[in-house]
Amino acid sequence: MDRKMANRKLIRLSQIKSKIAVENLEETDWVTFGVIVRKVTPQSSNNGRTFSIWRLNDLRDLNQYVSLFLFGDVHKEHWKTDQGTV
């Protein structure tokens, strides 16, 4: 893990919003980790494409979360991923 994280900045999922407000993250090599704390049953968009919505959290602040929308091949490959997966 140390090798993979070399020269990268860890930003907690619960801190992303505040970091974006004060830093230009587009110029930084950063990573975050999240746990799937909620999954919505796959939905169909207006154009008929199926997608999934995951709610991700870092388990530090359960009131802060990121909603991740999965479309196309990503949805097809990962929609069965279990809640609780990191």
N, C-alpha and C. Protein backbone atom coordinates (compact mmCIF):
# COMPACT_ATOMS: atom_id res chain seq x y z
N MET A 1 0.83 -1.19 0.00
CA MET A 1 0.00 0.00 0.00
C MET A 1 0.87 1.26 0.00
N ASP A 2 1.98 1.20 0.74
CA ASP A 2 2.88 2.36 0.77
C ASP A 2 3.38 2.70 -0.62
N ARG A 3 3.71 1.68 -1.41
CA ARG A 3 4.19 1.92 -2.78
C ARG A 3 3.10 2.54 -3.64
N LYS A 4 1.87 2.03 -3.52
CA LYS A 4 0.75 2.56 -4.32
C LYS A 4 0.41 4.00 -3.92
N MET A 5 0.62 4.34 -2.66
CA MET A 5 0.27 5.68 -2.17
C MET A 5 1.41 6.69 -2.30
N ALA A 6 2.57 6.24 -2.73
CA ALA A 6 3.72 7.15 -2.85
C ALA A 6 3.36 8.33 -3.75
N ASN A 7 3.64 9.53 -3.27
CA ASN A 7 3.39 10.79 -4.00
C ASN A 7 1.91 11.07 -4.23
N ARG A 8 1.06 10.43 -3.50
CA ARG A 8 -0.39 10.69 -3.59
C ARG A 8 -0.88 11.22 -2.26
N LYS A 9 -1.95 11.97 -2.33
CA LYS A 9 -2.54 12.55 -1.13
C LYS A 9 -3.83 11.81 -0.81
N LEU A 10 -3.96 11.36 0.43
CA LEU A 10 -5.20 10.72 0.88
C LEU A 10 -6.16 11.79 1.37
N ILE A 11 -7.35 11.80 0.79
CA ILE A 11 -8.39 12.72 1.23
C ILE A 11 -9.58 11.86 1.66
N ARG A 12 -9.96 12.01 2.91
CA ARG A 12 -11.11 11.24 3.41
C ARG A 12 -12.36 11.64 2.64
N LEU A 13 -13.20 10.67 2.38
CA LEU A 13 -14.43 10.91 1.63
C LEU A 13 -15.25 12.03 2.29
N SER A 14 -15.28 12.04 3.61
CA SER A 14 -16.06 13.07 4.33
C SER A 14 -15.43 14.45 4.24
N GLN A 15 -14.20 14.57 3.71
CA GLN A 15 -13.51 15.85 3.60
C GLN A 15 -13.49 16.40 2.18
N ILE A 16 -13.96 15.63 1.21
CA ILE A 16 -13.84 16.05 -0.18
C ILE A 16 -14.49 17.40 -0.43
N LYS A 17 -15.70 17.59 0.06
CA LYS A 17 -16.41 18.85 -0.19
C LYS A 17 -15.62 20.05 0.33
N SER A 18 -15.09 19.95 1.54
CA SER A 18 -14.34 21.08 2.10
C SER A 18 -13.00 21.26 1.39
N LYS A 19 -12.37 20.18 0.97
CA LYS A 19 -11.09 20.27 0.25
C LYS A 19 -11.27 20.92 -1.12
N ILE A 20 -12.35 20.58 -1.81
CA ILE A 20 -12.62 21.17 -3.13
C ILE A 20 -12.81 22.68 -3.00
N ALA A 21 -13.37 23.13 -1.89
CA ALA A 21 -13.61 24.56 -1.69
C ALA A 21 -12.32 25.35 -1.53
N VAL A 22 -11.25 24.72 -1.04
CA VAL A 22 -10.03 25.48 -0.76
C VAL A 22 -8.82 25.05 -1.59
N GLU A 23 -8.90 23.92 -2.27
CA GLU A 23 -7.76 23.42 -3.04
C GLU A 23 -8.17 23.10 -4.47
N ASN A 24 -7.23 23.21 -5.40
CA ASN A 24 -7.45 22.80 -6.77
C ASN A 24 -7.02 21.34 -6.89
N LEU A 25 -7.94 20.41 -6.68
CA LEU A 25 -7.62 18.99 -6.67
C LEU A 25 -7.31 18.44 -8.06
N GLU A 26 -7.64 19.20 -9.11
CA GLU A 26 -7.34 18.73 -10.46
C GLU A 26 -5.84 18.65 -10.71
N GLU A 27 -5.07 19.40 -9.94
CA GLU A 27 -3.63 19.41 -10.11
C GLU A 27 -2.92 18.54 -9.08
N THR A 28 -3.68 17.75 -8.32
CA THR A 28 -3.13 16.91 -7.27
C THR A 28 -3.47 15.45 -7.55
N ASP A 29 -2.51 14.56 -7.33
CA ASP A 29 -2.76 13.13 -7.44
C ASP A 29 -3.27 12.66 -6.08
N TRP A 30 -4.59 12.47 -5.99
CA TRP A 30 -5.18 12.13 -4.71
C TRP A 30 -6.05 10.89 -4.83
N VAL A 31 -6.28 10.25 -3.69
CA VAL A 31 -7.13 9.06 -3.62
C VAL A 31 -8.06 9.18 -2.44
N THR A 32 -9.13 8.41 -2.50
CA THR A 32 -10.05 8.32 -1.37
C THR A 32 -10.55 6.89 -1.29
N PHE A 33 -11.10 6.54 -0.16
CA PHE A 33 -11.67 5.22 0.05
C PHE A 33 -13.08 5.39 0.56
N GLY A 34 -13.95 4.50 0.17
CA GLY A 34 -15.33 4.56 0.64
C GLY A 34 -15.92 3.18 0.79
N VAL A 35 -16.91 3.09 1.64
CA VAL A 35 -17.65 1.87 1.88
C VAL A 35 -19.05 2.08 1.30
N ILE A 36 -19.56 1.07 0.59
CA ILE A 36 -20.93 1.16 0.08
C ILE A 36 -21.86 0.97 1.28
N VAL A 37 -22.51 2.06 1.71
CA VAL A 37 -23.40 1.98 2.86
C VAL A 37 -24.86 1.85 2.45
N ARG A 38 -25.16 2.10 1.17
CA ARG A 38 -26.53 1.96 0.69
C ARG A 38 -26.50 1.78 -0.82
N LYS A 39 -27.34 0.89 -1.29
CA LYS A 39 -27.49 0.68 -2.73
C LYS A 39 -28.97 0.83 -3.08
N VAL A 40 -29.23 1.53 -4.16
CA VAL A 40 -30.59 1.66 -4.68
C VAL A 40 -30.78 0.59 -5.74
N THR A 41 -31.95 -0.04 -5.77
CA THR A 41 -32.25 -1.01 -6.80
C THR A 41 -32.00 -0.39 -8.17
N PRO A 42 -31.34 -1.12 -9.09
CA PRO A 42 -31.07 -0.55 -10.41
C PRO A 42 -32.31 0.09 -11.03
N GLN A 43 -32.08 1.22 -11.67
CA GLN A 43 -33.14 2.05 -12.26
C GLN A 43 -32.96 2.13 -13.77
N SER A 44 -33.97 2.59 -14.47
CA SER A 44 -33.86 2.86 -15.90
C SER A 44 -33.98 4.36 -16.13
N SER A 45 -33.08 4.90 -16.93
CA SER A 45 -33.12 6.32 -17.26
C SER A 45 -34.18 6.56 -18.33
N ASN A 46 -34.40 7.83 -18.67
CA ASN A 46 -35.40 8.18 -19.68
C ASN A 46 -35.11 7.56 -21.04
N ASN A 47 -33.81 7.34 -21.31
CA ASN A 47 -33.45 6.75 -22.61
C ASN A 47 -33.39 5.22 -22.56
N GLY A 48 -33.83 4.64 -21.43
CA GLY A 48 -33.91 3.19 -21.31
C GLY A 48 -32.66 2.51 -20.81
N ARG A 49 -31.60 3.27 -20.55
CA ARG A 49 -30.36 2.68 -20.03
C ARG A 49 -30.49 2.41 -18.53
N THR A 50 -30.02 1.26 -18.10
CA THR A 50 -30.07 0.90 -16.69
C THR A 50 -28.85 1.44 -15.97
N PHE A 51 -29.06 1.90 -14.73
CA PHE A 51 -27.96 2.43 -13.92
C PHE A 51 -28.19 2.09 -12.46
N SER A 52 -27.13 2.20 -11.68
CA SER A 52 -27.19 1.97 -10.24
C SER A 52 -26.75 3.22 -9.50
N ILE A 53 -27.20 3.34 -8.27
CA ILE A 53 -26.76 4.43 -7.40
C ILE A 53 -26.25 3.81 -6.11
N TRP A 54 -25.02 4.16 -5.75
CA TRP A 54 -24.45 3.74 -4.49
C TRP A 54 -24.23 4.95 -3.61
N ARG A 55 -24.45 4.80 -2.32
CA ARG A 55 -24.10 5.83 -1.35
C ARG A 55 -22.82 5.35 -0.65
N LEU A 56 -21.77 6.16 -0.75
CA LEU A 56 -20.47 5.82 -0.18
C LEU A 56 -20.17 6.70 1.02
N ASN A 57 -19.50 6.11 2.02
CA ASN A 57 -19.16 6.82 3.24
C ASN A 57 -17.80 6.32 3.71
N ASP A 58 -17.08 7.12 4.48
CA ASP A 58 -15.78 6.69 5.02
C ASP A 58 -15.88 6.19 6.46
N LEU A 59 -17.09 6.09 6.98
CA LEU A 59 -17.39 5.61 8.34
C LEU A 59 -16.84 6.51 9.44
N ARG A 60 -16.37 7.68 9.07
CA ARG A 60 -15.91 8.64 10.07
C ARG A 60 -17.08 9.55 10.46
N ASP A 61 -17.82 10.03 9.48
CA ASP A 61 -18.97 10.90 9.71
C ASP A 61 -20.12 10.34 8.88
N LEU A 62 -21.04 9.66 9.51
CA LEU A 62 -22.12 8.98 8.78
C LEU A 62 -23.11 9.94 8.15
N ASN A 63 -23.01 11.24 8.46
CA ASN A 63 -23.88 12.22 7.83
C ASN A 63 -23.30 12.74 6.51
N GLN A 64 -22.04 12.45 6.25
CA GLN A 64 -21.38 12.88 5.02
C GLN A 64 -21.27 11.67 4.09
N TYR A 65 -21.77 11.80 2.88
CA TYR A 65 -21.67 10.70 1.94
C TYR A 65 -21.59 11.25 0.52
N VAL A 66 -21.19 10.38 -0.38
CA VAL A 66 -21.11 10.70 -1.80
C VAL A 66 -22.01 9.72 -2.52
N SER A 67 -22.85 10.22 -3.43
CA SER A 67 -23.66 9.34 -4.26
C SER A 67 -22.90 9.09 -5.56
N LEU A 68 -22.74 7.82 -5.89
CA LEU A 68 -22.02 7.42 -7.08
C LEU A 68 -23.01 6.77 -8.04
N PHE A 69 -23.11 7.31 -9.25
CA PHE A 69 -24.00 6.78 -10.28
C PHE A 69 -23.17 5.91 -11.22
N LEU A 70 -23.60 4.67 -11.44
CA LEU A 70 -22.89 3.74 -12.30
C LEU A 70 -23.72 3.50 -13.56
N PHE A 71 -23.12 3.78 -14.73
CA PHE A 71 -23.78 3.61 -16.02
C PHE A 71 -22.97 2.67 -16.90
N GLY A 72 -23.58 2.19 -17.96
CA GLY A 72 -22.89 1.45 -19.02
C GLY A 72 -22.18 0.21 -18.52
N ASP A 73 -20.95 0.03 -19.01
CA ASP A 73 -20.17 -1.15 -18.66
C ASP A 73 -19.86 -1.21 -17.17
N VAL A 74 -19.67 -0.07 -16.54
CA VAL A 74 -19.38 -0.04 -15.10
C VAL A 74 -20.58 -0.60 -14.34
N HIS A 75 -21.78 -0.18 -14.72
CA HIS A 75 -22.98 -0.72 -14.08
C HIS A 75 -23.07 -2.23 -14.31
N LYS A 76 -22.88 -2.66 -15.55
CA LYS A 76 -22.99 -4.09 -15.88
C LYS A 76 -22.00 -4.93 -15.09
N GLU A 77 -20.80 -4.41 -14.89
CA GLU A 77 -19.76 -5.17 -14.22
C GLU A 77 -19.90 -5.17 -12.69
N HIS A 78 -20.44 -4.08 -12.13
CA HIS A 78 -20.39 -3.92 -10.67
C HIS A 78 -21.74 -3.86 -9.95
N TRP A 79 -22.87 -3.93 -10.63
CA TRP A 79 -24.15 -3.70 -9.97
C TRP A 79 -24.44 -4.71 -8.87
N LYS A 80 -23.83 -5.88 -8.91
CA LYS A 80 -24.08 -6.90 -7.90
C LYS A 80 -23.14 -6.79 -6.70
N THR A 81 -22.25 -5.81 -6.70
CA THR A 81 -21.32 -5.63 -5.58
C THR A 81 -22.12 -5.46 -4.28
N ASP A 82 -21.69 -6.14 -3.24
CA ASP A 82 -22.42 -6.15 -1.98
C ASP A 82 -22.28 -4.84 -1.20
N GLN A 83 -23.36 -4.49 -0.54
CA GLN A 83 -23.31 -3.36 0.40
C GLN A 83 -22.29 -3.74 1.47
N GLY A 84 -21.50 -2.79 1.93
CA GLY A 84 -20.45 -3.04 2.91
C GLY A 84 -19.09 -3.22 2.27
N THR A 85 -19.04 -3.31 0.95
CA THR A 85 -17.77 -3.47 0.24
C THR A 85 -17.01 -2.16 0.26
N VAL A 86 -15.68 -2.24 0.43
CA VAL A 86 -14.82 -1.05 0.39
C VAL A 86 -14.37 -0.83 -1.03
